[in-house]
Amino acid sequence: MDAANGLALYFVRCNAPARFEEWGRWLRERHLPEMSKLDVVRAASHWALTQQPKPGMPSVGFSHVTIYELVGDIESGARALEQREAESRQCGEIDANHCVMDVDILEAHGSWNQKPVPTDALTGHIMAYVMCNDPRREAEWDAWNDAVHMPDMLESNGFTGVSRWRRRGPNTRGARYLTLYDVGPIGVEAAVERSAAVMPGIAAAGRKLDCHVGGLTVTLERA
């Protein structure tokens, strides 16, 4: 199977809380299999925020993330997904309460550019947007991620895999990079605890770069 060289992240939600379960079944059982038929999609998986938004309360704006792993030309793959969803909506196949809040297209980046194919053993993700706060040091920061930070995180024994991605598009400001941590049978909560436990030692050893900044970070479990 070809390696995924791109990701299309669909940040979605249901805008009718009373239909949340019905919407979820439609997405898992009908929409995702239909979108997965596209040749540009290597794999598709659907994930829920471990802390779901509460109706009427402030939130990040989405409740789930659908991850499409792309092969071939990334731009063509992104367009194919968009076109297929538009066709489905035109035919009345999209759930009336389905909301696509945002779409992010990313390309594989750095040394950690091989995302394992999702299996039943994959129970969750930590999805972390990150950046260097000093553009002059971005090359240094990038090399540190590959050579130091990714190995340190894997040595926490919280993750079964990790991959790095860079957002495509003209915007060069903000957190353009994504680190996607894979979580196995231990579950997301234990993975967070294990990775957090090693951070003080990493900082004390001088292995944390001072220009590293975390942006939006969410924990995801199987939907």
N, C-alpha and C. Protein backbone atom coordinates (compact mmCIF):
# COMPACT_ATOMS: atom_id res chain seq x y z
N MET A 1 0.84 -1.19 0.00
CA MET A 1 0.00 0.00 0.00
C MET A 1 0.88 1.25 0.00
N ASP A 2 0.54 2.21 -0.84
CA ASP A 2 1.32 3.44 -0.93
C ASP A 2 1.25 4.22 0.38
N ALA A 3 2.35 4.93 0.67
CA ALA A 3 2.37 5.79 1.85
C ALA A 3 1.46 6.99 1.61
N ALA A 4 0.84 7.47 2.67
CA ALA A 4 0.01 8.67 2.58
C ALA A 4 0.93 9.88 2.56
N ASN A 5 0.84 10.68 1.50
CA ASN A 5 1.67 11.89 1.43
C ASN A 5 0.88 13.14 1.78
N GLY A 6 -0.41 12.98 2.08
CA GLY A 6 -1.22 14.13 2.45
C GLY A 6 -2.35 13.71 3.38
N LEU A 7 -2.87 14.69 4.09
CA LEU A 7 -4.04 14.49 4.95
C LEU A 7 -5.08 15.55 4.62
N ALA A 8 -6.33 15.15 4.65
CA ALA A 8 -7.44 16.11 4.62
C ALA A 8 -8.19 15.92 5.93
N LEU A 9 -8.14 16.94 6.77
CA LEU A 9 -8.82 16.90 8.06
C LEU A 9 -10.14 17.64 7.94
N TYR A 10 -11.23 16.96 8.18
CA TYR A 10 -12.56 17.57 8.16
C TYR A 10 -13.02 17.72 9.61
N PHE A 11 -13.16 18.96 10.06
CA PHE A 11 -13.62 19.25 11.41
C PHE A 11 -15.14 19.42 11.35
N VAL A 12 -15.87 18.51 11.97
CA VAL A 12 -17.31 18.44 11.74
C VAL A 12 -18.08 18.41 13.05
N ARG A 13 -19.38 18.63 12.93
CA ARG A 13 -20.28 18.54 14.08
C ARG A 13 -21.71 18.37 13.58
N CYS A 14 -22.61 18.04 14.51
CA CYS A 14 -24.05 18.00 14.26
C CYS A 14 -24.67 19.21 14.94
N ASN A 15 -25.49 19.95 14.21
CA ASN A 15 -26.06 21.17 14.81
C ASN A 15 -27.42 20.96 15.45
N ALA A 16 -27.77 19.69 15.66
CA ALA A 16 -29.03 19.36 16.34
C ALA A 16 -28.72 18.32 17.42
N PRO A 17 -28.50 18.75 18.66
CA PRO A 17 -28.10 17.81 19.71
C PRO A 17 -29.02 16.60 19.83
N ALA A 18 -30.29 16.76 19.57
CA ALA A 18 -31.22 15.64 19.71
C ALA A 18 -30.96 14.55 18.67
N ARG A 19 -30.28 14.90 17.58
CA ARG A 19 -30.01 13.94 16.51
C ARG A 19 -28.55 13.50 16.49
N PHE A 20 -27.82 13.76 17.55
CA PHE A 20 -26.40 13.50 17.58
C PHE A 20 -26.07 12.04 17.26
N GLU A 21 -26.76 11.10 17.89
CA GLU A 21 -26.47 9.68 17.69
C GLU A 21 -26.83 9.25 16.27
N GLU A 22 -27.97 9.73 15.78
CA GLU A 22 -28.40 9.38 14.42
C GLU A 22 -27.41 9.93 13.40
N TRP A 23 -26.98 11.18 13.59
CA TRP A 23 -25.98 11.78 12.71
C TRP A 23 -24.69 10.97 12.72
N GLY A 24 -24.25 10.56 13.89
CA GLY A 24 -23.03 9.78 13.99
C GLY A 24 -23.11 8.47 13.23
N ARG A 25 -24.24 7.79 13.33
CA ARG A 25 -24.40 6.54 12.58
C ARG A 25 -24.36 6.79 11.09
N TRP A 26 -25.03 7.86 10.63
CA TRP A 26 -25.00 8.18 9.20
C TRP A 26 -23.57 8.41 8.74
N LEU A 27 -22.81 9.15 9.52
CA LEU A 27 -21.45 9.49 9.10
C LEU A 27 -20.57 8.25 9.04
N ARG A 28 -20.67 7.39 10.06
CA ARG A 28 -19.82 6.21 10.12
C ARG A 28 -20.23 5.15 9.10
N GLU A 29 -21.53 4.94 8.95
CA GLU A 29 -22.02 3.80 8.18
C GLU A 29 -22.31 4.13 6.72
N ARG A 30 -22.54 5.39 6.41
CA ARG A 30 -22.88 5.74 5.03
C ARG A 30 -21.88 6.72 4.41
N HIS A 31 -21.65 7.83 5.07
CA HIS A 31 -20.83 8.88 4.46
C HIS A 31 -19.36 8.47 4.34
N LEU A 32 -18.79 7.98 5.41
CA LEU A 32 -17.37 7.62 5.38
C LEU A 32 -17.08 6.51 4.36
N PRO A 33 -17.87 5.43 4.33
CA PRO A 33 -17.61 4.40 3.31
C PRO A 33 -17.73 4.95 1.88
N GLU A 34 -18.67 5.85 1.66
CA GLU A 34 -18.84 6.41 0.32
C GLU A 34 -17.64 7.25 -0.07
N MET A 35 -17.16 8.10 0.82
CA MET A 35 -16.00 8.94 0.52
C MET A 35 -14.74 8.09 0.37
N SER A 36 -14.68 6.97 1.07
CA SER A 36 -13.50 6.11 1.02
C SER A 36 -13.34 5.40 -0.32
N LYS A 37 -14.37 5.39 -1.14
CA LYS A 37 -14.29 4.74 -2.44
C LYS A 37 -13.40 5.49 -3.42
N LEU A 38 -13.12 6.75 -3.14
CA LEU A 38 -12.28 7.55 -4.04
C LEU A 38 -10.88 6.97 -4.10
N ASP A 39 -10.32 6.92 -5.31
CA ASP A 39 -8.98 6.35 -5.50
C ASP A 39 -7.91 7.13 -4.74
N VAL A 40 -8.17 8.40 -4.48
CA VAL A 40 -7.16 9.25 -3.83
C VAL A 40 -7.09 9.01 -2.33
N VAL A 41 -8.04 8.25 -1.78
CA VAL A 41 -8.11 8.02 -0.33
C VAL A 41 -7.50 6.66 0.00
N ARG A 42 -6.38 6.68 0.73
CA ARG A 42 -5.76 5.43 1.18
C ARG A 42 -6.53 4.82 2.34
N ALA A 43 -6.95 5.68 3.25
CA ALA A 43 -7.70 5.24 4.43
C ALA A 43 -8.48 6.43 4.95
N ALA A 44 -9.58 6.14 5.62
CA ALA A 44 -10.39 7.18 6.24
C ALA A 44 -10.79 6.71 7.64
N SER A 45 -10.69 7.61 8.60
CA SER A 45 -11.06 7.26 9.97
C SER A 45 -11.77 8.45 10.60
N HIS A 46 -12.60 8.14 11.58
CA HIS A 46 -13.47 9.15 12.17
C HIS A 46 -13.27 9.16 13.68
N TRP A 47 -13.08 10.35 14.27
CA TRP A 47 -12.67 10.48 15.66
C TRP A 47 -13.51 11.52 16.38
N ALA A 48 -13.72 11.27 17.66
CA ALA A 48 -14.49 12.19 18.50
C ALA A 48 -13.58 12.86 19.52
N LEU A 49 -13.84 14.12 19.80
CA LEU A 49 -13.14 14.76 20.90
C LEU A 49 -13.43 14.00 22.18
N THR A 50 -12.39 13.75 22.98
CA THR A 50 -12.62 13.04 24.23
C THR A 50 -13.46 13.88 25.19
N GLN A 51 -13.36 15.19 25.07
CA GLN A 51 -14.21 16.10 25.85
C GLN A 51 -15.19 16.75 24.88
N GLN A 52 -16.40 16.23 24.83
CA GLN A 52 -17.37 16.72 23.87
C GLN A 52 -17.93 18.09 24.28
N PRO A 53 -18.18 18.98 23.30
CA PRO A 53 -18.79 20.28 23.62
C PRO A 53 -20.16 20.09 24.28
N LYS A 54 -20.47 21.00 25.15
CA LYS A 54 -21.78 20.99 25.80
C LYS A 54 -22.67 22.04 25.15
N PRO A 55 -23.90 21.67 24.82
CA PRO A 55 -24.81 22.63 24.16
C PRO A 55 -24.91 23.94 24.93
N GLY A 56 -24.77 25.05 24.22
CA GLY A 56 -24.90 26.37 24.82
C GLY A 56 -23.66 26.89 25.49
N MET A 57 -22.61 26.07 25.57
CA MET A 57 -21.38 26.48 26.23
C MET A 57 -20.28 26.75 25.20
N PRO A 58 -19.32 27.59 25.53
CA PRO A 58 -18.21 27.85 24.60
C PRO A 58 -17.47 26.56 24.25
N SER A 59 -16.98 26.48 23.01
CA SER A 59 -16.28 25.27 22.58
C SER A 59 -15.34 25.62 21.44
N VAL A 60 -14.59 24.63 20.96
CA VAL A 60 -13.70 24.85 19.81
C VAL A 60 -14.48 24.88 18.50
N GLY A 61 -15.76 24.52 18.54
CA GLY A 61 -16.59 24.65 17.35
C GLY A 61 -16.85 23.36 16.59
N PHE A 62 -16.13 22.31 16.91
CA PHE A 62 -16.35 21.01 16.26
C PHE A 62 -16.37 19.94 17.34
N SER A 63 -16.96 18.80 17.00
CA SER A 63 -17.02 17.69 17.96
C SER A 63 -16.25 16.47 17.48
N HIS A 64 -15.99 16.41 16.17
CA HIS A 64 -15.35 15.25 15.57
C HIS A 64 -14.36 15.70 14.50
N VAL A 65 -13.43 14.80 14.20
CA VAL A 65 -12.48 15.02 13.12
C VAL A 65 -12.45 13.78 12.25
N THR A 66 -12.70 13.96 10.97
CA THR A 66 -12.56 12.87 10.00
C THR A 66 -11.22 13.05 9.31
N ILE A 67 -10.42 12.00 9.30
CA ILE A 67 -9.08 12.04 8.71
C ILE A 67 -9.08 11.22 7.44
N TYR A 68 -8.87 11.89 6.31
CA TYR A 68 -8.69 11.21 5.03
C TYR A 68 -7.20 11.20 4.72
N GLU A 69 -6.63 10.02 4.50
CA GLU A 69 -5.23 9.89 4.15
C GLU A 69 -5.13 9.84 2.62
N LEU A 70 -4.38 10.77 2.05
CA LEU A 70 -4.36 10.96 0.61
C LEU A 70 -3.10 10.38 -0.01
N VAL A 71 -3.25 9.86 -1.22
CA VAL A 71 -2.12 9.40 -2.02
C VAL A 71 -2.17 10.12 -3.36
N GLY A 72 -1.00 10.23 -3.99
CA GLY A 72 -0.94 10.94 -5.28
C GLY A 72 -0.88 12.44 -5.07
N ASP A 73 -1.36 13.17 -6.05
CA ASP A 73 -1.32 14.63 -5.99
C ASP A 73 -2.30 15.13 -4.91
N ILE A 74 -1.77 15.87 -3.95
CA ILE A 74 -2.57 16.28 -2.80
C ILE A 74 -3.68 17.24 -3.19
N GLU A 75 -3.37 18.19 -4.04
CA GLU A 75 -4.39 19.16 -4.46
C GLU A 75 -5.53 18.46 -5.19
N SER A 76 -5.20 17.52 -6.06
CA SER A 76 -6.23 16.77 -6.78
C SER A 76 -7.07 15.95 -5.82
N GLY A 77 -6.41 15.36 -4.83
CA GLY A 77 -7.14 14.58 -3.84
C GLY A 77 -8.11 15.43 -3.04
N ALA A 78 -7.65 16.62 -2.64
CA ALA A 78 -8.52 17.51 -1.87
C ALA A 78 -9.73 17.94 -2.70
N ARG A 79 -9.48 18.22 -3.99
CA ARG A 79 -10.60 18.61 -4.86
C ARG A 79 -11.57 17.46 -5.06
N ALA A 80 -11.05 16.24 -5.17
CA ALA A 80 -11.93 15.09 -5.37
C ALA A 80 -12.84 14.89 -4.16
N LEU A 81 -12.30 15.05 -2.96
CA LEU A 81 -13.12 14.94 -1.77
C LEU A 81 -14.21 16.02 -1.74
N GLU A 82 -13.82 17.24 -2.05
CA GLU A 82 -14.77 18.35 -2.05
C GLU A 82 -15.87 18.13 -3.08
N GLN A 83 -15.47 17.67 -4.27
CA GLN A 83 -16.44 17.45 -5.33
C GLN A 83 -17.40 16.32 -4.97
N ARG A 84 -16.87 15.23 -4.40
CA ARG A 84 -17.74 14.11 -4.05
C ARG A 84 -18.73 14.51 -2.97
N GLU A 85 -18.30 15.31 -2.00
CA GLU A 85 -19.23 15.75 -0.96
C GLU A 85 -20.29 16.68 -1.56
N ALA A 86 -19.89 17.55 -2.49
CA ALA A 86 -20.85 18.44 -3.13
C ALA A 86 -21.89 17.65 -3.92
N GLU A 87 -21.43 16.61 -4.61
CA GLU A 87 -22.36 15.76 -5.36
C GLU A 87 -23.33 15.05 -4.43
N SER A 88 -22.82 14.58 -3.29
CA SER A 88 -23.68 13.90 -2.33
C SER A 88 -24.73 14.85 -1.77
N ARG A 89 -24.32 16.08 -1.51
CA ARG A 89 -25.28 17.07 -1.00
C ARG A 89 -26.34 17.38 -2.05
N GLN A 90 -25.91 17.49 -3.30
CA GLN A 90 -26.85 17.79 -4.39
C GLN A 90 -27.88 16.67 -4.53
N CYS A 91 -27.48 15.45 -4.24
CA CYS A 91 -28.38 14.30 -4.36
C CYS A 91 -29.17 14.04 -3.08
N GLY A 92 -28.99 14.87 -2.07
CA GLY A 92 -29.71 14.70 -0.83
C GLY A 92 -29.17 13.59 0.05
N GLU A 93 -27.90 13.23 -0.14
CA GLU A 93 -27.30 12.13 0.62
C GLU A 93 -26.57 12.61 1.87
N ILE A 94 -26.46 13.92 2.06
CA ILE A 94 -25.79 14.46 3.23
C ILE A 94 -26.83 14.70 4.33
N ASP A 95 -26.52 14.26 5.53
CA ASP A 95 -27.42 14.48 6.66
C ASP A 95 -27.72 15.97 6.81
N ALA A 96 -28.98 16.30 7.06
CA ALA A 96 -29.41 17.71 7.11
C ALA A 96 -28.71 18.49 8.21
N ASN A 97 -28.23 17.80 9.25
CA ASN A 97 -27.60 18.49 10.37
C ASN A 97 -26.08 18.37 10.37
N HIS A 98 -25.52 17.89 9.27
CA HIS A 98 -24.07 17.74 9.15
C HIS A 98 -23.44 19.09 8.84
N CYS A 99 -22.47 19.47 9.66
CA CYS A 99 -21.78 20.76 9.49
C CYS A 99 -20.28 20.53 9.35
N VAL A 100 -19.72 21.01 8.26
CA VAL A 100 -18.27 21.00 8.08
C VAL A 100 -17.77 22.36 8.53
N MET A 101 -17.13 22.40 9.70
CA MET A 101 -16.72 23.66 10.29
C MET A 101 -15.41 24.19 9.70
N ASP A 102 -14.56 23.27 9.26
CA ASP A 102 -13.29 23.68 8.66
C ASP A 102 -12.68 22.46 7.98
N VAL A 103 -11.81 22.71 7.02
CA VAL A 103 -11.06 21.66 6.34
C VAL A 103 -9.61 22.10 6.28
N ASP A 104 -8.72 21.20 6.65
CA ASP A 104 -7.30 21.51 6.62
C ASP A 104 -6.61 20.48 5.73
N ILE A 105 -5.83 20.95 4.77
CA ILE A 105 -5.09 20.08 3.87
C ILE A 105 -3.61 20.18 4.23
N LEU A 106 -2.98 19.03 4.48
CA LEU A 106 -1.60 19.02 4.92
C LEU A 106 -0.78 18.04 4.10
N GLU A 107 0.53 18.29 4.05
CA GLU A 107 1.44 17.40 3.37
C GLU A 107 2.42 16.79 4.37
N ALA A 108 2.86 15.56 4.11
CA ALA A 108 3.82 14.90 4.98
C ALA A 108 5.09 15.73 5.05
N HIS A 109 5.68 15.76 6.24
CA HIS A 109 6.81 16.68 6.45
C HIS A 109 7.88 16.06 7.34
N GLY A 110 9.13 16.35 7.03
CA GLY A 110 10.24 15.96 7.87
C GLY A 110 10.55 14.48 7.82
N SER A 111 11.35 14.02 8.76
CA SER A 111 11.78 12.63 8.80
C SER A 111 10.66 11.69 9.23
N TRP A 112 9.75 12.20 10.04
CA TRP A 112 8.64 11.37 10.55
C TRP A 112 7.44 11.55 9.63
N ASN A 113 7.59 11.09 8.40
CA ASN A 113 6.59 11.35 7.37
C ASN A 113 5.81 10.11 6.96
N GLN A 114 5.93 9.03 7.74
CA GLN A 114 5.25 7.78 7.41
C GLN A 114 4.16 7.52 8.45
N LYS A 115 2.91 7.75 8.07
CA LYS A 115 1.80 7.48 9.00
C LYS A 115 1.39 6.02 8.88
N PRO A 116 1.39 5.30 9.99
CA PRO A 116 0.93 3.91 9.93
C PRO A 116 -0.53 3.84 9.47
N VAL A 117 -0.85 2.82 8.71
CA VAL A 117 -2.24 2.62 8.29
C VAL A 117 -3.09 2.34 9.54
N PRO A 118 -4.22 3.02 9.70
CA PRO A 118 -5.04 2.78 10.91
C PRO A 118 -5.60 1.36 10.94
N THR A 119 -5.51 0.75 12.11
CA THR A 119 -6.06 -0.58 12.34
C THR A 119 -6.97 -0.53 13.57
N ASP A 120 -7.57 -1.66 13.90
CA ASP A 120 -8.43 -1.71 15.09
C ASP A 120 -7.65 -1.46 16.37
N ALA A 121 -6.32 -1.65 16.32
CA ALA A 121 -5.50 -1.42 17.51
C ALA A 121 -5.29 0.06 17.79
N LEU A 122 -5.58 0.90 16.81
CA LEU A 122 -5.46 2.35 16.99
C LEU A 122 -6.70 2.85 17.71
N THR A 123 -6.52 3.31 18.94
CA THR A 123 -7.68 3.71 19.75
C THR A 123 -7.87 5.21 19.83
N GLY A 124 -6.86 5.99 19.44
CA GLY A 124 -7.00 7.43 19.55
C GLY A 124 -5.82 8.18 18.98
N HIS A 125 -5.90 9.49 19.05
CA HIS A 125 -4.84 10.39 18.59
C HIS A 125 -4.70 11.55 19.56
N ILE A 126 -3.50 12.06 19.65
CA ILE A 126 -3.32 13.43 20.11
C ILE A 126 -2.93 14.23 18.88
N MET A 127 -3.70 15.24 18.57
CA MET A 127 -3.50 16.06 17.38
C MET A 127 -3.03 17.44 17.82
N ALA A 128 -1.77 17.75 17.54
CA ALA A 128 -1.17 18.98 18.07
C ALA A 128 -0.64 19.86 16.94
N TYR A 129 -1.23 21.04 16.82
CA TYR A 129 -0.67 22.05 15.92
C TYR A 129 0.45 22.77 16.66
N VAL A 130 1.58 22.92 16.00
CA VAL A 130 2.77 23.49 16.65
C VAL A 130 3.45 24.48 15.71
N MET A 131 4.36 25.25 16.30
CA MET A 131 5.06 26.26 15.49
C MET A 131 6.34 26.68 16.19
N CYS A 132 7.19 27.38 15.45
CA CYS A 132 8.35 28.08 15.98
C CYS A 132 7.97 29.56 16.05
N ASN A 133 8.18 30.19 17.20
CA ASN A 133 7.73 31.58 17.33
C ASN A 133 8.74 32.59 16.78
N ASP A 134 9.86 32.09 16.25
CA ASP A 134 10.87 32.97 15.64
C ASP A 134 11.20 32.43 14.25
N PRO A 135 10.67 33.04 13.19
CA PRO A 135 10.90 32.52 11.84
C PRO A 135 12.38 32.35 11.50
N ARG A 136 13.23 33.10 12.12
CA ARG A 136 14.67 32.99 11.84
C ARG A 136 15.23 31.65 12.31
N ARG A 137 14.53 31.00 13.24
CA ARG A 137 15.03 29.75 13.82
C ARG A 137 14.21 28.53 13.37
N GLU A 138 13.40 28.71 12.34
CA GLU A 138 12.52 27.62 11.96
C GLU A 138 13.28 26.37 11.51
N ALA A 139 14.39 26.54 10.79
CA ALA A 139 15.17 25.38 10.36
C ALA A 139 15.74 24.64 11.57
N GLU A 140 16.22 25.37 12.56
CA GLU A 140 16.72 24.77 13.79
C GLU A 140 15.60 24.03 14.51
N TRP A 141 14.46 24.67 14.60
CA TRP A 141 13.29 24.08 15.26
C TRP A 141 12.83 22.82 14.55
N ASP A 142 12.83 22.85 13.23
CA ASP A 142 12.40 21.71 12.44
C ASP A 142 13.33 20.52 12.68
N ALA A 143 14.64 20.79 12.67
CA ALA A 143 15.61 19.72 12.90
C ALA A 143 15.49 19.16 14.32
N TRP A 144 15.22 20.02 15.30
CA TRP A 144 15.03 19.58 16.68
C TRP A 144 13.82 18.66 16.79
N ASN A 145 12.74 18.98 16.12
CA ASN A 145 11.57 18.11 16.12
C ASN A 145 11.92 16.72 15.64
N ASP A 146 12.62 16.63 14.52
CA ASP A 146 12.95 15.34 13.93
C ASP A 146 13.94 14.55 14.79
N ALA A 147 14.99 15.22 15.24
CA ALA A 147 16.09 14.50 15.89
C ALA A 147 15.92 14.33 17.39
N VAL A 148 15.17 15.21 18.04
CA VAL A 148 15.10 15.21 19.50
C VAL A 148 13.68 14.99 20.01
N HIS A 149 12.77 15.85 19.60
CA HIS A 149 11.45 15.87 20.23
C HIS A 149 10.63 14.63 19.91
N MET A 150 10.60 14.20 18.65
CA MET A 150 9.83 13.01 18.31
C MET A 150 10.37 11.77 19.03
N PRO A 151 11.68 11.51 19.03
CA PRO A 151 12.18 10.37 19.81
C PRO A 151 11.86 10.47 21.30
N ASP A 152 11.97 11.67 21.87
CA ASP A 152 11.65 11.83 23.28
C ASP A 152 10.20 11.47 23.56
N MET A 153 9.30 11.89 22.70
CA MET A 153 7.89 11.60 22.92
C MET A 153 7.60 10.10 22.78
N LEU A 154 8.23 9.45 21.82
CA LEU A 154 8.01 8.02 21.66
C LEU A 154 8.58 7.23 22.83
N GLU A 155 9.67 7.73 23.42
CA GLU A 155 10.27 7.04 24.56
C GLU A 155 9.41 7.16 25.82
N SER A 156 8.39 7.98 25.79
CA SER A 156 7.48 8.05 26.94
C SER A 156 6.61 6.81 27.06
N ASN A 157 6.60 5.97 26.00
CA ASN A 157 5.77 4.76 25.95
C ASN A 157 4.28 5.08 25.98
N GLY A 158 3.96 6.29 25.52
CA GLY A 158 2.56 6.65 25.44
C GLY A 158 1.96 6.45 24.06
N PHE A 159 2.84 6.30 23.05
CA PHE A 159 2.36 6.32 21.67
C PHE A 159 2.91 5.14 20.87
N THR A 160 2.10 4.68 19.93
CA THR A 160 2.52 3.61 19.03
C THR A 160 3.12 4.14 17.74
N GLY A 161 2.97 5.42 17.49
CA GLY A 161 3.53 6.02 16.29
C GLY A 161 3.34 7.52 16.31
N VAL A 162 4.04 8.19 15.41
CA VAL A 162 3.93 9.64 15.29
C VAL A 162 4.23 10.03 13.85
N SER A 163 3.56 11.04 13.37
CA SER A 163 3.85 11.56 12.04
C SER A 163 3.73 13.08 12.06
N ARG A 164 4.49 13.72 11.16
CA ARG A 164 4.52 15.18 11.11
C ARG A 164 3.97 15.66 9.76
N TRP A 165 3.28 16.79 9.82
CA TRP A 165 2.59 17.32 8.64
C TRP A 165 2.71 18.83 8.61
N ARG A 166 2.62 19.38 7.40
CA ARG A 166 2.67 20.84 7.23
C ARG A 166 1.47 21.29 6.43
N ARG A 167 0.82 22.32 6.91
CA ARG A 167 -0.37 22.86 6.26
C ARG A 167 -0.02 23.45 4.90
N ARG A 168 -0.84 23.15 3.91
CA ARG A 168 -0.64 23.71 2.57
C ARG A 168 -1.44 25.01 2.45
N GLY A 169 -0.96 25.90 1.60
CA GLY A 169 -1.68 27.16 1.38
C GLY A 169 -0.76 28.34 1.56
N PRO A 170 -1.27 29.52 1.24
CA PRO A 170 -0.43 30.72 1.23
C PRO A 170 -0.12 31.31 2.59
N ASN A 171 -0.89 30.94 3.62
CA ASN A 171 -0.69 31.56 4.93
C ASN A 171 0.58 31.02 5.59
N THR A 172 1.52 31.89 5.85
CA THR A 172 2.80 31.48 6.45
C THR A 172 2.90 31.87 7.91
N ARG A 173 1.82 32.35 8.49
CA ARG A 173 1.83 32.74 9.91
C ARG A 173 1.10 31.70 10.75
N GLY A 174 1.40 31.73 12.04
CA GLY A 174 0.69 30.84 12.96
C GLY A 174 1.21 29.42 12.93
N ALA A 175 0.44 28.52 13.54
CA ALA A 175 0.84 27.11 13.68
C ALA A 175 0.54 26.35 12.40
N ARG A 176 1.52 26.28 11.51
CA ARG A 176 1.34 25.64 10.22
C ARG A 176 1.69 24.15 10.25
N TYR A 177 2.22 23.68 11.36
CA TYR A 177 2.68 22.30 11.44
C TYR A 177 1.77 21.49 12.36
N LEU A 178 1.60 20.22 12.02
CA LEU A 178 0.77 19.33 12.82
C LEU A 178 1.58 18.09 13.18
N THR A 179 1.54 17.74 14.45
CA THR A 179 2.08 16.46 14.90
C THR A 179 0.90 15.58 15.29
N LEU A 180 0.86 14.40 14.69
CA LEU A 180 -0.24 13.47 14.95
C LEU A 180 0.34 12.25 15.67
N TYR A 181 -0.03 12.13 16.94
CA TYR A 181 0.43 11.01 17.76
C TYR A 181 -0.62 9.90 17.72
N ASP A 182 -0.17 8.67 17.50
CA ASP A 182 -1.05 7.52 17.49
C ASP A 182 -1.08 6.87 18.87
N VAL A 183 -2.26 6.51 19.33
CA VAL A 183 -2.43 5.89 20.64
C VAL A 183 -2.98 4.49 20.46
N GLY A 184 -2.36 3.54 21.17
CA GLY A 184 -2.77 2.15 21.08
C GLY A 184 -3.68 1.72 22.21
N PRO A 185 -3.55 0.47 22.67
CA PRO A 185 -4.49 -0.09 23.65
C PRO A 185 -4.53 0.63 24.99
N ILE A 186 -3.48 1.38 25.35
CA ILE A 186 -3.50 2.02 26.68
C ILE A 186 -4.55 3.12 26.77
N GLY A 187 -4.99 3.65 25.64
CA GLY A 187 -6.00 4.70 25.64
C GLY A 187 -5.40 6.10 25.75
N VAL A 188 -6.19 7.07 25.36
CA VAL A 188 -5.71 8.45 25.28
C VAL A 188 -5.35 9.01 26.64
N GLU A 189 -6.17 8.75 27.64
CA GLU A 189 -5.90 9.32 28.97
C GLU A 189 -4.53 8.88 29.50
N ALA A 190 -4.24 7.59 29.38
CA ALA A 190 -2.95 7.09 29.84
C ALA A 190 -1.81 7.64 29.00
N ALA A 191 -2.04 7.80 27.68
CA ALA A 191 -1.01 8.35 26.80
C ALA A 191 -0.66 9.78 27.19
N VAL A 192 -1.67 10.57 27.52
CA VAL A 192 -1.44 11.95 27.95
C VAL A 192 -0.65 11.96 29.25
N GLU A 193 -1.03 11.10 30.18
CA GLU A 193 -0.33 11.06 31.47
C GLU A 193 1.14 10.66 31.30
N ARG A 194 1.40 9.68 30.47
CA ARG A 194 2.78 9.23 30.27
C ARG A 194 3.63 10.29 29.59
N SER A 195 3.08 10.95 28.58
CA SER A 195 3.86 11.98 27.88
C SER A 195 4.08 13.19 28.79
N ALA A 196 3.09 13.53 29.60
CA ALA A 196 3.25 14.66 30.52
C ALA A 196 4.29 14.35 31.59
N ALA A 197 4.37 13.10 31.99
CA ALA A 197 5.28 12.71 33.07
C ALA A 197 6.75 12.88 32.69
N VAL A 198 7.06 12.77 31.39
CA VAL A 198 8.46 12.88 30.99
C VAL A 198 8.89 14.31 30.69
N MET A 199 7.94 15.22 30.59
CA MET A 199 8.27 16.58 30.18
C MET A 199 9.20 17.31 31.16
N PRO A 200 9.00 17.20 32.48
CA PRO A 200 9.94 17.89 33.38
C PRO A 200 11.39 17.43 33.19
N GLY A 201 11.60 16.12 32.99
CA GLY A 201 12.94 15.61 32.78
C GLY A 201 13.54 16.08 31.47
N ILE A 202 12.71 16.16 30.44
CA ILE A 202 13.18 16.65 29.15
C ILE A 202 13.62 18.10 29.25
N ALA A 203 12.80 18.90 29.95
CA ALA A 203 13.16 20.31 30.13
C ALA A 203 14.43 20.45 30.96
N ALA A 204 14.54 19.66 32.02
CA ALA A 204 15.71 19.74 32.90
C ALA A 204 16.99 19.34 32.17
N ALA A 205 16.86 18.44 31.20
CA ALA A 205 18.02 17.99 30.43
C ALA A 205 18.37 18.94 29.29
N GLY A 206 17.60 20.03 29.16
CA GLY A 206 17.87 21.00 28.10
C GLY A 206 17.47 20.52 26.72
N ARG A 207 16.51 19.59 26.67
CA ARG A 207 16.10 19.03 25.39
C ARG A 207 14.80 19.65 24.86
N LYS A 208 14.33 20.69 25.50
CA LYS A 208 13.16 21.41 25.01
C LYS A 208 13.60 22.74 24.42
N LEU A 209 13.27 22.97 23.18
CA LEU A 209 13.70 24.19 22.49
C LEU A 209 12.84 25.36 22.91
N ASP A 210 13.47 26.49 23.21
CA ASP A 210 12.73 27.63 23.77
C ASP A 210 11.84 28.34 22.78
N CYS A 211 12.00 28.07 21.49
CA CYS A 211 11.14 28.72 20.49
C CYS A 211 9.98 27.83 20.06
N HIS A 212 9.82 26.68 20.71
CA HIS A 212 8.73 25.77 20.38
C HIS A 212 7.44 26.23 21.05
N VAL A 213 6.36 26.29 20.27
CA VAL A 213 5.07 26.75 20.79
C VAL A 213 3.97 25.78 20.34
N GLY A 214 3.12 25.41 21.25
CA GLY A 214 1.97 24.58 20.91
C GLY A 214 0.76 25.43 20.62
N GLY A 215 0.01 25.07 19.58
CA GLY A 215 -1.25 25.74 19.26
C GLY A 215 -2.41 24.85 19.67
N LEU A 216 -3.42 24.77 18.82
CA LEU A 216 -4.57 23.93 19.11
C LEU A 216 -4.12 22.48 19.29
N THR A 217 -4.45 21.90 20.42
CA THR A 217 -4.16 20.49 20.69
C THR A 217 -5.43 19.84 21.23
N VAL A 218 -5.81 18.73 20.60
CA VAL A 218 -7.01 18.01 21.04
C VAL A 218 -6.71 16.53 21.16
N THR A 219 -7.43 15.87 22.03
CA THR A 219 -7.34 14.42 22.17
C THR A 219 -8.57 13.80 21.53
N LEU A 220 -8.34 12.73 20.77
CA LEU A 220 -9.39 12.10 19.98
C LEU A 220 -9.48 10.62 20.31
N GLU A 221 -10.72 10.12 20.34
CA GLU A 221 -10.96 8.71 20.53
C GLU A 221 -11.89 8.23 19.41
N ARG A 222 -11.94 6.93 19.23
CA ARG A 222 -12.77 6.39 18.14
C ARG A 222 -14.23 6.81 18.32
N ALA A 223 -14.83 7.24 17.23
CA ALA A 223 -16.22 7.68 17.27
C ALA A 223 -17.15 6.48 17.07
